[in-house]
Amino acid sequence: MDKLRAIEVFIEVAQGLSFSRAAQALGMARGNVTKHVAWLEQTMGVQLLTRTTKSVSLTESGLALLENGRELLDRVEGIEAAVRQSVNAPKGMLRVGAPPSFGAFHLVPVITAFSKAHPDIQVVLYLDDGRSDLVAEGLDMSVRIATALKDTSQIASRLAVVPQVLVASPEYLEQRGHPEAIADLADHDCMVHALKSPTNIWTFTGPYADSPAGGAAPAILQGSTGKASVRVRGTIRANYGEPLRHAALLGHGISMHPTYMVKQDIEAGRLQTVLPQYKPVGVDIYAVFPSRKNLPVRVRTFLDFLTEWFRTPDWHTLQNVP
């Protein structure tokens, strides 16, 4: 039996702690998965997994193999790629994590185009909030959207900088009025993204010297055209942007989103921009990788494709919007 193949099968079982899920992911019969793991344990002379009728868990030896086995497989793939000297197209399974809304609506077009160009690479998309452990989840990379990355232990490549915008429905603005200055947001129902703005503070750049007289202007941090922040409040918070967008469409209040999320709503008139003279601090889109030296050729190929795709601004630029 092929030891590298057996290690690959074991890693799939260990990541999900399930023989059945591993068989489904690998397209194998469950019995064959069991045989590969049993053969590997016999060959190595150690028990890798503890099995009961209801659960599967890793032994200390199994954990060591999980931590080192993926790197081993990636090194083998890198050696094969070097031997082929890029004559053959990259192949294999590519596991990519992404936020739900962005992944479903904006990353899928990239993946479909990539799959047409590289049919030997199978892309598996995992939708999460970006806080998953890449190694534990077996992800090759994760697309993350943030004003700043907090985890410095991982390798990150910035793909794009996307502006944000404040929006509300025409019905809400007709009922509650249009804010004229940032300070006016304190009198509105502002729906906050719990992960991006955990302290309910929104930060802007804009012409603060032109704020209407008599208003309680927010603190100016860098002069009249620098950054300013305001603490807002509202009756709805969420850890994803899509629920806040939906609430804004229903006329509940004002929300802040990257332009790609509300582009079509604004252009169709379902949402209107609020305080367009002030620019919320934008968000960065990153490709994040586990901390290992050699990226598999399939990952490098996908990263190059993503980088080129995000150089085109059409997917997030607002058209004909005042």
C-alpha atoms as a PDB file:
ATOM      1  CA  MET A   1       0.000   0.000   0.000  1.00  0.00           C
ATOM      2  CA  ASP A   2       1.200   3.550  -0.774  1.00  0.00           C
ATOM      3  CA  LYS A   3       2.361   5.159   2.479  1.00  0.00           C
ATOM      4  CA  LEU A   4       1.880   8.714   1.231  1.00  0.00           C
ATOM      5  CA  ARG A   5      -1.665   7.876   0.182  1.00  0.00           C
ATOM      6  CA  ALA A   6      -2.292   6.282   3.579  1.00  0.00           C
ATOM      7  CA  ILE A   7      -1.021   9.450   5.301  1.00  0.00           C
ATOM      8  CA  GLU A   8      -3.317  11.558   3.114  1.00  0.00           C
ATOM      9  CA  VAL A   9      -6.287   9.384   4.090  1.00  0.00           C
ATOM     10  CA  PHE A  10      -5.335   9.548   7.774  1.00  0.00           C
ATOM     11  CA  ILE A  11      -5.104  13.356   7.681  1.00  0.00           C
ATOM     12  CA  GLU A  12      -8.590  13.574   6.182  1.00  0.00           C
ATOM     13  CA  VAL A  13      -9.944  11.373   8.988  1.00  0.00           C
ATOM     14  CA  ALA A  14      -8.021  13.266  11.675  1.00  0.00           C
ATOM     15  CA  GLN A  15      -9.195  16.701  10.534  1.00  0.00           C
ATOM     16  CA  GLY A  16     -12.872  15.812  10.791  1.00  0.00           C
ATOM     17  CA  LEU A  17     -12.525  13.011  13.369  1.00  0.00           C
ATOM     18  CA  SER A  18     -14.814  10.960  11.173  1.00  0.00           C
ATOM     19  CA  PHE A  19     -14.213   7.990   8.867  1.00  0.00           C
ATOM     20  CA  SER A  20     -17.501   8.614   7.069  1.00  0.00           C
ATOM     21  CA  ARG A  21     -16.790  12.291   6.299  1.00  0.00           C
ATOM     22  CA  ALA A  22     -13.281  11.394   5.166  1.00  0.00           C
ATOM     23  CA  ALA A  23     -14.651   8.720   2.813  1.00  0.00           C
ATOM     24  CA  GLN A  24     -17.109  11.224   1.350  1.00  0.00           C
ATOM     25  CA  ALA A  25     -14.441  13.910   0.891  1.00  0.00           C
ATOM     26  CA  LEU A  26     -12.002  11.492  -0.734  1.00  0.00           C
ATOM     27  CA  GLY A  27     -14.575   9.673  -2.838  1.00  0.00           C
ATOM     28  CA  MET A  28     -13.666   6.344  -1.263  1.00  0.00           C
ATOM     29  CA  ALA A  29     -15.598   3.561   0.391  1.00  0.00           C
ATOM     30  CA  ARG A  30     -15.575   3.815   4.175  1.00  0.00           C
ATOM     31  CA  GLY A  31     -14.046   0.339   4.407  1.00  0.00           C
ATOM     32  CA  ASN A  32     -11.089   1.412   2.276  1.00  0.00           C
ATOM     33  CA  VAL A  33     -10.509   4.422   4.511  1.00  0.00           C
ATOM     34  CA  THR A  34     -10.431   2.127   7.534  1.00  0.00           C
ATOM     35  CA  LYS A  35      -7.970  -0.213   5.784  1.00  0.00           C
ATOM     36  CA  HIS A  36      -5.585   2.641   4.959  1.00  0.00           C
ATOM     37  CA  VAL A  37      -5.517   3.896   8.546  1.00  0.00           C
ATOM     38  CA  ALA A  38      -5.147   0.388   9.991  1.00  0.00           C
ATOM     39  CA  TRP A  39      -2.278  -0.373   7.593  1.00  0.00           C
ATOM     40  CA  LEU A  40      -0.559   2.892   8.525  1.00  0.00           C
ATOM     41  CA  GLU A  41      -0.844   2.111  12.237  1.00  0.00           C
ATOM     42  CA  GLN A  42       0.542  -1.392  11.670  1.00  0.00           C
ATOM     43  CA  THR A  43       3.429  -0.104   9.544  1.00  0.00           C
ATOM     44  CA  MET A  44       4.393   2.598  12.057  1.00  0.00           C
ATOM     45  CA  GLY A  45       3.798   0.379  15.064  1.00  0.00           C
ATOM     46  CA  VAL A  46       1.716   2.990  16.900  1.00  0.00           C
ATOM     47  CA  GLN A  47      -1.952   3.704  17.490  1.00  0.00           C
ATOM     48  CA  LEU A  48      -2.944   6.904  15.722  1.00  0.00           C
ATOM     49  CA  LEU A  49      -6.656   7.035  16.527  1.00  0.00           C
ATOM     50  CA  THR A  50      -8.794   5.982  19.454  1.00  0.00           C
ATOM     51  CA  ARG A  51     -12.102   4.628  18.208  1.00  0.00           C
ATOM     52  CA  THR A  52     -15.366   4.018  20.026  1.00  0.00           C
ATOM     53  CA  THR A  53     -18.822   3.296  18.655  1.00  0.00           C
ATOM     54  CA  LYS A  54     -19.673   6.996  18.910  1.00  0.00           C
ATOM     55  CA  SER A  55     -16.461   8.947  18.470  1.00  0.00           C
ATOM     56  CA  VAL A  56     -12.955   9.127  17.044  1.00  0.00           C
ATOM     57  CA  SER A  57     -10.089  10.926  18.794  1.00  0.00           C
ATOM     58  CA  LEU A  58      -6.405  11.455  18.161  1.00  0.00           C
ATOM     59  CA  THR A  59      -3.684   9.820  20.197  1.00  0.00           C
ATOM     60  CA  GLU A  60      -0.479  11.729  20.902  1.00  0.00           C
ATOM     61  CA  SER A  61       1.156   9.911  17.994  1.00  0.00           C
ATOM     62  CA  GLY A  62      -1.790  10.737  15.757  1.00  0.00           C
ATOM     63  CA  LEU A  63      -1.560  14.421  16.658  1.00  0.00           C
ATOM     64  CA  ALA A  64       2.138  14.428  15.774  1.00  0.00           C
ATOM     65  CA  LEU A  65       1.412  12.835  12.402  1.00  0.00           C
ATOM     66  CA  LEU A  66      -1.399  15.313  11.708  1.00  0.00           C
ATOM     67  CA  GLU A  67       0.863  18.283  12.459  1.00  0.00           C
ATOM     68  CA  ASN A  68       3.710  17.037  10.272  1.00  0.00           C
ATOM     69  CA  GLY A  69       1.918  14.949   7.640  1.00  0.00           C
ATOM     70  CA  ARG A  70       0.345  17.856   5.752  1.00  0.00           C
ATOM     71  CA  GLU A  71       3.710  19.589   5.465  1.00  0.00           C
ATOM     72  CA  LEU A  72       5.210  16.313   4.212  1.00  0.00           C
ATOM     73  CA  LEU A  73       2.576  15.983   1.495  1.00  0.00           C
ATOM     74  CA  ASP A  74       3.070  19.606   0.473  1.00  0.00           C
ATOM     75  CA  ARG A  75       6.825  19.061   0.199  1.00  0.00           C
ATOM     76  CA  VAL A  76       6.282  16.017  -1.977  1.00  0.00           C
ATOM     77  CA  GLU A  77       3.968  18.017  -4.216  1.00  0.00           C
ATOM     78  CA  GLY A  78       6.559  20.793  -4.425  1.00  0.00           C
ATOM     79  CA  ILE A  79       9.244  18.297  -5.433  1.00  0.00           C
ATOM     80  CA  GLU A  80       6.981  16.838  -8.105  1.00  0.00           C
ATOM     81  CA  ALA A  81       6.252  20.324  -9.423  1.00  0.00           C
ATOM     82  CA  ALA A  82       9.976  21.109  -9.619  1.00  0.00           C
ATOM     83  CA  VAL A  83      10.647  17.842 -11.470  1.00  0.00           C
ATOM     84  CA  ARG A  84       7.881  18.519 -13.957  1.00  0.00           C
ATOM     85  CA  GLN A  85       9.325  22.034 -14.417  1.00  0.00           C
ATOM     86  CA  SER A  86       5.817  23.394 -14.781  1.00  0.00           C
ATOM     87  CA  VAL A  87       5.182  21.300 -17.906  1.00  0.00           C
ATOM     88  CA  ASN A  88       2.057  19.773 -16.405  1.00  0.00           C
ATOM     89  CA  ALA A  89      -0.772  21.784 -14.890  1.00  0.00           C
ATOM     90  CA  PRO A  90      -1.077  21.857 -11.062  1.00  0.00           C
ATOM     91  CA  LYS A  91      -3.651  19.514  -9.590  1.00  0.00           C
ATOM     92  CA  GLY A  92      -5.201  18.357  -6.348  1.00  0.00           C
ATOM     93  CA  MET A  93      -7.704  19.559  -3.769  1.00  0.00           C
ATOM     94  CA  LEU A  94      -7.639  23.202  -2.657  1.00  0.00           C
ATOM     95  CA  ARG A  95      -9.487  24.066   0.581  1.00  0.00           C
ATOM     96  CA  VAL A  96     -10.404  27.750   0.858  1.00  0.00           C
ATOM     97  CA  GLY A  97     -12.144  29.475   3.775  1.00  0.00           C
ATOM     98  CA  ALA A  98     -14.187  32.672   3.330  1.00  0.00           C
ATOM     99  CA  PRO A  99     -16.904  34.741   5.052  1.00  0.00           C
ATOM    100  CA  PRO A 100     -20.394  33.449   4.104  1.00  0.00           C
ATOM    101  CA  SER A 101     -21.766  36.397   2.137  1.00  0.00           C
ATOM    102  CA  PHE A 102     -18.516  37.287   0.406  1.00  0.00           C
ATOM    103  CA  GLY A 103     -17.738  33.663  -0.318  1.00  0.00           C
ATOM    104  CA  ALA A 104     -21.161  32.829  -1.730  1.00  0.00           C
ATOM    105  CA  PHE A 105     -21.733  35.940  -3.842  1.00  0.00           C
ATOM    106  CA  HIS A 106     -18.303  37.343  -4.692  1.00  0.00           C
ATOM    107  CA  LEU A 107     -15.713  34.585  -4.385  1.00  0.00           C
ATOM    108  CA  VAL A 108     -17.719  31.956  -6.277  1.00  0.00           C
ATOM    109  CA  PRO A 109     -17.375  33.839  -9.617  1.00  0.00           C
ATOM    110  CA  VAL A 110     -13.601  33.825  -9.084  1.00  0.00           C
ATOM    111  CA  ILE A 111     -13.606  30.119  -8.264  1.00  0.00           C
ATOM    112  CA  THR A 112     -15.691  29.190 -11.307  1.00  0.00           C
ATOM    113  CA  ALA A 113     -13.374  31.150 -13.587  1.00  0.00           C
ATOM    114  CA  PHE A 114     -10.347  29.567 -11.909  1.00  0.00           C
ATOM    115  CA  SER A 115     -11.813  26.074 -12.299  1.00  0.00           C
ATOM    116  CA  LYS A 116     -12.286  26.596 -16.025  1.00  0.00           C
ATOM    117  CA  ALA A 117      -8.647  27.622 -16.330  1.00  0.00           C
ATOM    118  CA  HIS A 118      -7.365  24.844 -14.035  1.00  0.00           C
ATOM    119  CA  PRO A 119      -9.764  21.878 -14.272  1.00  0.00           C
ATOM    120  CA  ASP A 120      -7.364  19.538 -12.426  1.00  0.00           C
ATOM    121  CA  ILE A 121      -7.658  21.559  -9.209  1.00  0.00           C
ATOM    122  CA  GLN A 122     -10.758  20.808  -7.126  1.00  0.00           C
ATOM    123  CA  VAL A 123     -11.714  23.817  -4.987  1.00  0.00           C
ATOM    124  CA  VAL A 124     -13.567  23.141  -1.726  1.00  0.00           C
ATOM    125  CA  LEU A 125     -15.100  26.305  -0.233  1.00  0.00           C
ATOM    126  CA  TYR A 126     -15.644  26.508   3.541  1.00  0.00           C
ATOM    127  CA  LEU A 127     -17.803  29.408   4.754  1.00  0.00           C
ATOM    128  CA  ASP A 128     -16.905  30.726   8.218  1.00  0.00           C
ATOM    129  CA  ASP A 129     -16.271  33.968  10.116  1.00  0.00           C
ATOM    130  CA  GLY A 130     -12.532  33.900   9.398  1.00  0.00           C
ATOM    131  CA  ARG A 131     -11.515  32.845  12.909  1.00  0.00           C
ATOM    132  CA  SER A 132     -10.997  29.157  12.104  1.00  0.00           C
ATOM    133  CA  ASP A 133      -7.647  27.528  12.826  1.00  0.00           C
ATOM    134  CA  LEU A 134      -6.300  26.936   9.338  1.00  0.00           C
ATOM    135  CA  VAL A 135      -4.145  23.979  10.370  1.00  0.00           C
ATOM    136  CA  ALA A 136      -6.800  22.287  12.501  1.00  0.00           C
ATOM    137  CA  GLU A 137      -9.445  22.763   9.804  1.00  0.00           C
ATOM    138  CA  GLY A 138      -7.090  21.597   7.056  1.00  0.00           C
ATOM    139  CA  LEU A 139      -7.501  24.825   5.058  1.00  0.00           C
ATOM    140  CA  ASP A 140      -4.882  25.703   2.460  1.00  0.00           C
ATOM    141  CA  MET A 141      -5.808  29.363   2.694  1.00  0.00           C
ATOM    142  CA  SER A 142      -8.508  31.683   3.985  1.00  0.00           C
ATOM    143  CA  VAL A 143      -9.870  34.908   2.511  1.00  0.00           C
ATOM    144  CA  ARG A 144     -10.374  37.410   5.306  1.00  0.00           C
ATOM    145  CA  ILE A 145     -11.870  40.889   5.326  1.00  0.00           C
ATOM    146  CA  ALA A 146     -10.787  43.321   8.045  1.00  0.00           C
ATOM    147  CA  THR A 147      -9.471  46.805   8.751  1.00  0.00           C
ATOM    148  CA  ALA A 148      -6.411  45.079  10.282  1.00  0.00           C
ATOM    149  CA  LEU A 149      -5.293  41.508  10.897  1.00  0.00           C
ATOM    150  CA  LYS A 150      -4.741  40.657  14.554  1.00  0.00           C
ATOM    151  CA  ASP A 151      -3.071  37.252  14.165  1.00  0.00           C
ATOM    152  CA  THR A 152       0.554  37.893  13.195  1.00  0.00           C
ATOM    153  CA  SER A 153       1.516  34.208  13.349  1.00  0.00           C
ATOM    154  CA  GLN A 154       0.135  33.568   9.869  1.00  0.00           C
ATOM    155  CA  ILE A 155       1.266  34.593   6.411  1.00  0.00           C
ATOM    156  CA  ALA A 156      -0.983  37.184   4.748  1.00  0.00           C
ATOM    157  CA  SER A 157      -1.095  38.695   1.287  1.00  0.00           C
ATOM    158  CA  ARG A 158      -3.317  41.735   0.738  1.00  0.00           C
ATOM    159  CA  LEU A 159      -5.484  41.291  -2.342  1.00  0.00           C
ATOM    160  CA  ALA A 160      -7.469  44.543  -2.400  1.00  0.00           C
ATOM    161  CA  VAL A 161      -8.545  47.603  -0.448  1.00  0.00           C
ATOM    162  CA  VAL A 162     -12.299  48.119  -0.602  1.00  0.00           C
ATOM    163  CA  PRO A 163     -14.096  51.344   0.388  1.00  0.00           C
ATOM    164  CA  GLN A 164     -17.102  51.282   2.693  1.00  0.00           C
ATOM    165  CA  VAL A 165     -20.276  53.309   2.600  1.00  0.00           C
ATOM    166  CA  LEU A 166     -23.152  54.200   4.907  1.00  0.00           C
ATOM    167  CA  VAL A 167     -26.582  53.246   3.561  1.00  0.00           C
ATOM    168  CA  ALA A 168     -30.241  53.374   4.511  1.00  0.00           C
ATOM    169  CA  SER A 169     -33.509  52.783   2.708  1.00  0.00           C
ATOM    170  CA  PRO A 170     -35.398  55.728   1.150  1.00  0.00           C
ATOM    171  CA  GLU A 171     -38.294  54.961   3.511  1.00  0.00           C
ATOM    172  CA  TYR A 172     -36.104  55.252   6.610  1.00  0.00           C
ATOM    173  CA  LEU A 173     -34.528  58.525   5.473  1.00  0.00           C
ATOM    174  CA  GLU A 174     -37.927  59.999   4.595  1.00  0.00           C
ATOM    175  CA  GLN A 175     -39.199  59.153   8.065  1.00  0.00           C
ATOM    176  CA  ARG A 176     -36.120  60.025  10.160  1.00  0.00           C
ATOM    177  CA  GLY A 177     -34.400  62.586   7.946  1.00  0.00           C
ATOM    178  CA  HIS A 178     -30.946  62.723   6.347  1.00  0.00           C
ATOM    179  CA  PRO A 179     -27.965  63.183   8.694  1.00  0.00           C
ATOM    180  CA  GLU A 180     -25.921  66.240   7.733  1.00  0.00           C
ATOM    181  CA  ALA A 181     -22.865  65.618   9.891  1.00  0.00           C
ATOM    182  CA  ILE A 182     -21.253  62.660  11.580  1.00  0.00           C
ATOM    183  CA  ALA A 183     -22.505  63.816  14.978  1.00  0.00           C
ATOM    184  CA  ASP A 184     -26.092  63.462  13.702  1.00  0.00           C
ATOM    185  CA  LEU A 185     -25.640  59.682  13.617  1.00  0.00           C
ATOM    186  CA  ALA A 186     -26.090  59.665  17.395  1.00  0.00           C
ATOM    187  CA  ASP A 187     -29.784  60.432  16.820  1.00  0.00           C
ATOM    188  CA  HIS A 188     -30.300  57.549  14.366  1.00  0.00           C
ATOM    189  CA  ASP A 189     -30.709  53.801  14.608  1.00  0.00           C
ATOM    190  CA  CYS A 190     -27.271  52.592  13.483  1.00  0.00           C
ATOM    191  CA  MET A 191     -26.853  48.868  12.962  1.00  0.00           C
ATOM    192  CA  VAL A 192     -23.365  47.730  13.907  1.00  0.00           C
ATOM    193  CA  HIS A 193     -21.174  44.853  12.763  1.00  0.00           C
ATOM    194  CA  ALA A 194     -20.135  43.226  16.027  1.00  0.00           C
ATOM    195  CA  LEU A 195     -16.765  41.972  14.757  1.00  0.00           C
ATOM    196  CA  LYS A 196     -15.675  45.033  12.774  1.00  0.00           C
ATOM    197  CA  SER A 197     -16.936  47.580  15.335  1.00  0.00           C
ATOM    198  CA  PRO A 198     -17.048  45.775  18.706  1.00  0.00           C
ATOM    199  CA  THR A 199     -17.106  49.082  20.636  1.00  0.00           C
ATOM    200  CA  ASN A 200     -19.793  50.679  18.415  1.00  0.00           C
ATOM    201  CA  ILE A 201     -17.291  53.204  17.033  1.00  0.00           C
ATOM    202  CA  TRP A 202     -17.372  54.193  13.365  1.00  0.00           C
ATOM    203  CA  THR A 203     -14.350  56.017  11.909  1.00  0.00           C
ATOM    204  CA  PHE A 204     -14.418  58.367   8.901  1.00  0.00           C
ATOM    205  CA  THR A 205     -12.310  60.694   6.809  1.00  0.00           C
ATOM    206  CA  GLY A 206     -13.850  63.857   5.401  1.00  0.00           C
ATOM    207  CA  PRO A 207     -14.230  67.664   5.480  1.00  0.00           C
ATOM    208  CA  TYR A 208     -14.792  68.207   9.193  1.00  0.00           C
ATOM    209  CA  ALA A 209     -14.106  71.932   8.970  1.00  0.00           C
ATOM    210  CA  ASP A 210     -17.378  72.174   7.035  1.00  0.00           C
ATOM    211  CA  SER A 211     -19.518  70.580   9.780  1.00  0.00           C
ATOM    212  CA  PRO A 212     -22.704  72.593  10.445  1.00  0.00           C
ATOM    213  CA  ALA A 213     -22.385  75.138  13.236  1.00  0.00           C
ATOM    214  CA  GLY A 214     -23.920  74.186  16.533  1.00  0.00           C
ATOM    215  CA  GLY A 215     -23.444  70.458  16.033  1.00  0.00           C
ATOM    216  CA  ALA A 216     -21.604  68.356  18.571  1.00  0.00           C
ATOM    217  CA  ALA A 217     -18.769  67.491  16.207  1.00  0.00           C
ATOM    218  CA  PRO A 218     -16.856  64.284  16.883  1.00  0.00           C
ATOM    219  CA  ALA A 219     -13.266  64.413  18.036  1.00  0.00           C
ATOM    220  CA  ILE A 220     -10.900  65.384  15.228  1.00  0.00           C
ATOM    221  CA  LEU A 221      -7.871  63.137  15.349  1.00  0.00           C
ATOM    222  CA  GLN A 222      -5.714  64.500  12.498  1.00  0.00           C
ATOM    223  CA  GLY A 223      -6.793  67.995  11.628  1.00  0.00           C
ATOM    224  CA  SER A 224      -9.770  69.209   9.665  1.00  0.00           C
ATOM    225  CA  THR A 225      -9.360  66.618   6.897  1.00  0.00           C
ATOM    226  CA  GLY A 226      -8.044  63.753   9.023  1.00  0.00           C
ATOM    227  CA  LYS A 227      -9.870  60.930  10.719  1.00  0.00           C
ATOM    228  CA  ALA A 228     -12.770  61.309  13.124  1.00  0.00           C
ATOM    229  CA  SER A 229     -14.728  58.735  15.097  1.00  0.00           C
ATOM    230  CA  VAL A 230     -18.188  58.641  16.573  1.00  0.00           C
ATOM    231  CA  ARG A 231     -19.862  56.168  18.901  1.00  0.00           C
ATOM    232  CA  VAL A 232     -23.188  55.033  17.481  1.00  0.00           C
ATOM    233  CA  ARG A 233     -26.029  52.942  18.824  1.00  0.00           C
ATOM    234  CA  GLY A 234     -28.906  50.942  17.488  1.00  0.00           C
ATOM    235  CA  THR A 235     -31.303  48.100  18.166  1.00  0.00           C
ATOM    236  CA  ILE A 236     -29.654  45.474  15.911  1.00  0.00           C
ATOM    237  CA  ARG A 237     -26.122  44.048  15.931  1.00  0.00           C
ATOM    238  CA  ALA A 238     -24.785  41.057  13.990  1.00  0.00           C
ATOM    239  CA  ASN A 239     -21.500  39.254  13.437  1.00  0.00           C
ATOM    240  CA  TYR A 240     -22.090  39.125   9.662  1.00  0.00           C
ATOM    241  CA  GLY A 241     -22.913  41.986   7.318  1.00  0.00           C
ATOM    242  CA  GLU A 242     -25.753  40.321   5.404  1.00  0.00           C
ATOM    243  CA  PRO A 243     -28.334  40.518   8.259  1.00  0.00           C
ATOM    244  CA  LEU A 244     -27.555  44.234   8.665  1.00  0.00           C
ATOM    245  CA  ARG A 245     -27.969  44.816   4.934  1.00  0.00           C
ATOM    246  CA  HIS A 246     -31.332  43.023   5.026  1.00  0.00           C
ATOM    247  CA  ALA A 247     -32.462  45.115   8.000  1.00  0.00           C
ATOM    248  CA  ALA A 248     -31.458  48.285   6.139  1.00  0.00           C
ATOM    249  CA  LEU A 249     -33.524  47.171   3.131  1.00  0.00           C
ATOM    250  CA  LEU A 250     -36.475  46.726   5.489  1.00  0.00           C
ATOM    251  CA  GLY A 251     -36.129  50.357   6.587  1.00  0.00           C
ATOM    252  CA  HIS A 252     -34.808  49.666  10.079  1.00  0.00           C
ATOM    253  CA  GLY A 253     -31.834  52.017  10.163  1.00  0.00           C
ATOM    254  CA  ILE A 254     -28.382  52.990   8.875  1.00  0.00           C
ATOM    255  CA  SER A 255     -25.670  50.411   8.300  1.00  0.00           C
ATOM    256  CA  MET A 256     -22.070  50.410   7.065  1.00  0.00           C
ATOM    257  CA  HIS A 257     -20.913  47.987   4.367  1.00  0.00           C
ATOM    258  CA  PRO A 258     -18.100  47.424   1.883  1.00  0.00           C
ATOM    259  CA  THR A 259     -19.248  48.788  -1.473  1.00  0.00           C
ATOM    260  CA  TYR A 260     -19.350  45.342  -3.098  1.00  0.00           C
ATOM    261  CA  MET A 261     -22.070  44.236  -0.661  1.00  0.00           C
ATOM    262  CA  VAL A 262     -24.530  47.056  -1.412  1.00  0.00           C
ATOM    263  CA  LYS A 263     -23.453  48.066  -4.923  1.00  0.00           C
ATOM    264  CA  GLN A 264     -26.507  46.618  -6.689  1.00  0.00           C
ATOM    265  CA  ASP A 265     -28.926  47.880  -4.010  1.00  0.00           C
ATOM    266  CA  ILE A 266     -27.646  51.453  -4.378  1.00  0.00           C
ATOM    267  CA  GLU A 267     -27.662  51.410  -8.169  1.00  0.00           C
ATOM    268  CA  ALA A 268     -31.232  50.014  -8.129  1.00  0.00           C
ATOM    269  CA  GLY A 269     -32.409  52.658  -5.633  1.00  0.00           C
ATOM    270  CA  ARG A 270     -33.261  50.160  -2.885  1.00  0.00           C
ATOM    271  CA  LEU A 271     -30.679  51.831  -0.643  1.00  0.00           C
ATOM    272  CA  GLN A 272     -29.303  55.365  -0.585  1.00  0.00           C
ATOM    273  CA  THR A 273     -25.890  56.556   0.522  1.00  0.00           C
ATOM    274  CA  VAL A 274     -25.779  58.460   3.797  1.00  0.00           C
ATOM    275  CA  LEU A 275     -23.258  61.269   4.420  1.00  0.00           C
ATOM    276  CA  PRO A 276     -21.504  60.635   1.084  1.00  0.00           C
ATOM    277  CA  GLN A 277     -19.060  63.483   1.795  1.00  0.00           C
ATOM    278  CA  TYR A 278     -17.587  61.411   4.635  1.00  0.00           C
ATOM    279  CA  LYS A 279     -15.723  58.209   3.845  1.00  0.00           C
ATOM    280  CA  PRO A 280     -15.776  55.342   6.331  1.00  0.00           C
ATOM    281  CA  VAL A 281     -12.413  53.677   6.788  1.00  0.00           C
ATOM    282  CA  GLY A 282     -12.095  50.971   4.147  1.00  0.00           C
ATOM    283  CA  VAL A 283     -11.500  47.276   4.640  1.00  0.00           C
ATOM    284  CA  ASP A 284      -8.691  45.103   3.321  1.00  0.00           C
ATOM    285  CA  ILE A 285      -9.164  41.724   1.693  1.00  0.00           C
ATOM    286  CA  TYR A 286      -6.374  39.302   2.589  1.00  0.00           C
ATOM    287  CA  ALA A 287      -5.361  35.827   1.556  1.00  0.00           C
ATOM    288  CA  VAL A 288      -4.093  34.136   4.726  1.00  0.00           C
ATOM    289  CA  PHE A 289      -2.010  30.964   4.888  1.00  0.00           C
ATOM    290  CA  PRO A 290      -0.722  28.693   7.658  1.00  0.00           C
ATOM    291  CA  SER A 291       2.789  29.464   8.810  1.00  0.00           C
ATOM    292  CA  ARG A 292       4.748  27.093   6.613  1.00  0.00           C
ATOM    293  CA  LYS A 293       7.588  27.869   4.254  1.00  0.00           C
ATOM    294  CA  ASN A 294       6.588  26.191   1.007  1.00  0.00           C
ATOM    295  CA  LEU A 295       3.148  26.868  -0.448  1.00  0.00           C
ATOM    296  CA  PRO A 296       1.820  24.018  -2.621  1.00  0.00           C
ATOM    297  CA  VAL A 297       1.786  24.797  -6.318  1.00  0.00           C
ATOM    298  CA  ARG A 298      -2.032  24.646  -6.403  1.00  0.00           C
ATOM    299  CA  VAL A 299      -2.180  27.348  -3.699  1.00  0.00           C
ATOM    300  CA  ARG A 300       0.350  29.586  -5.447  1.00  0.00           C
ATOM    301  CA  THR A 301      -1.599  29.213  -8.682  1.00  0.00           C
ATOM    302  CA  PHE A 302      -4.872  30.213  -6.997  1.00  0.00           C
ATOM    303  CA  LEU A 303      -3.212  33.145  -5.208  1.00  0.00           C
ATOM    304  CA  ASP A 304      -1.871  34.495  -8.504  1.00  0.00           C
ATOM    305  CA  PHE A 305      -5.345  34.150 -10.035  1.00  0.00           C
ATOM    306  CA  LEU A 306      -6.996  35.952  -7.093  1.00  0.00           C
ATOM    307  CA  THR A 307      -4.455  38.763  -7.168  1.00  0.00           C
ATOM    308  CA  GLU A 308      -5.087  39.400 -10.843  1.00  0.00           C
ATOM    309  CA  TRP A 309      -8.885  39.164 -10.424  1.00  0.00           C
ATOM    310  CA  PHE A 310      -8.991  41.738  -7.619  1.00  0.00           C
ATOM    311  CA  ARG A 311      -7.056  44.252  -9.688  1.00  0.00           C
ATOM    312  CA  THR A 312     -10.283  44.839 -11.634  1.00  0.00           C
ATOM    313  CA  PRO A 313     -12.430  47.324  -9.648  1.00  0.00           C
ATOM    314  CA  ASP A 314     -15.725  46.640 -11.452  1.00  0.00           C
ATOM    315  CA  TRP A 315     -16.896  44.177  -8.812  1.00  0.00           C
ATOM    316  CA  HIS A 316     -16.951  46.797  -6.036  1.00  0.00           C
ATOM    317  CA  THR A 317     -17.022  50.247  -7.695  1.00  0.00           C
ATOM    318  CA  LEU A 318     -20.293  52.146  -7.495  1.00  0.00           C
ATOM    319  CA  GLN A 319     -21.590  53.473 -10.815  1.00  0.00           C
ATOM    320  CA  ASN A 320     -23.706  56.621 -11.318  1.00  0.00           C
ATOM    321  CA  VAL A 321     -24.148  57.187  -7.604  1.00  0.00           C
ATOM    322  CA  PRO A 322     -24.083  60.758  -6.265  1.00  0.00           C
END
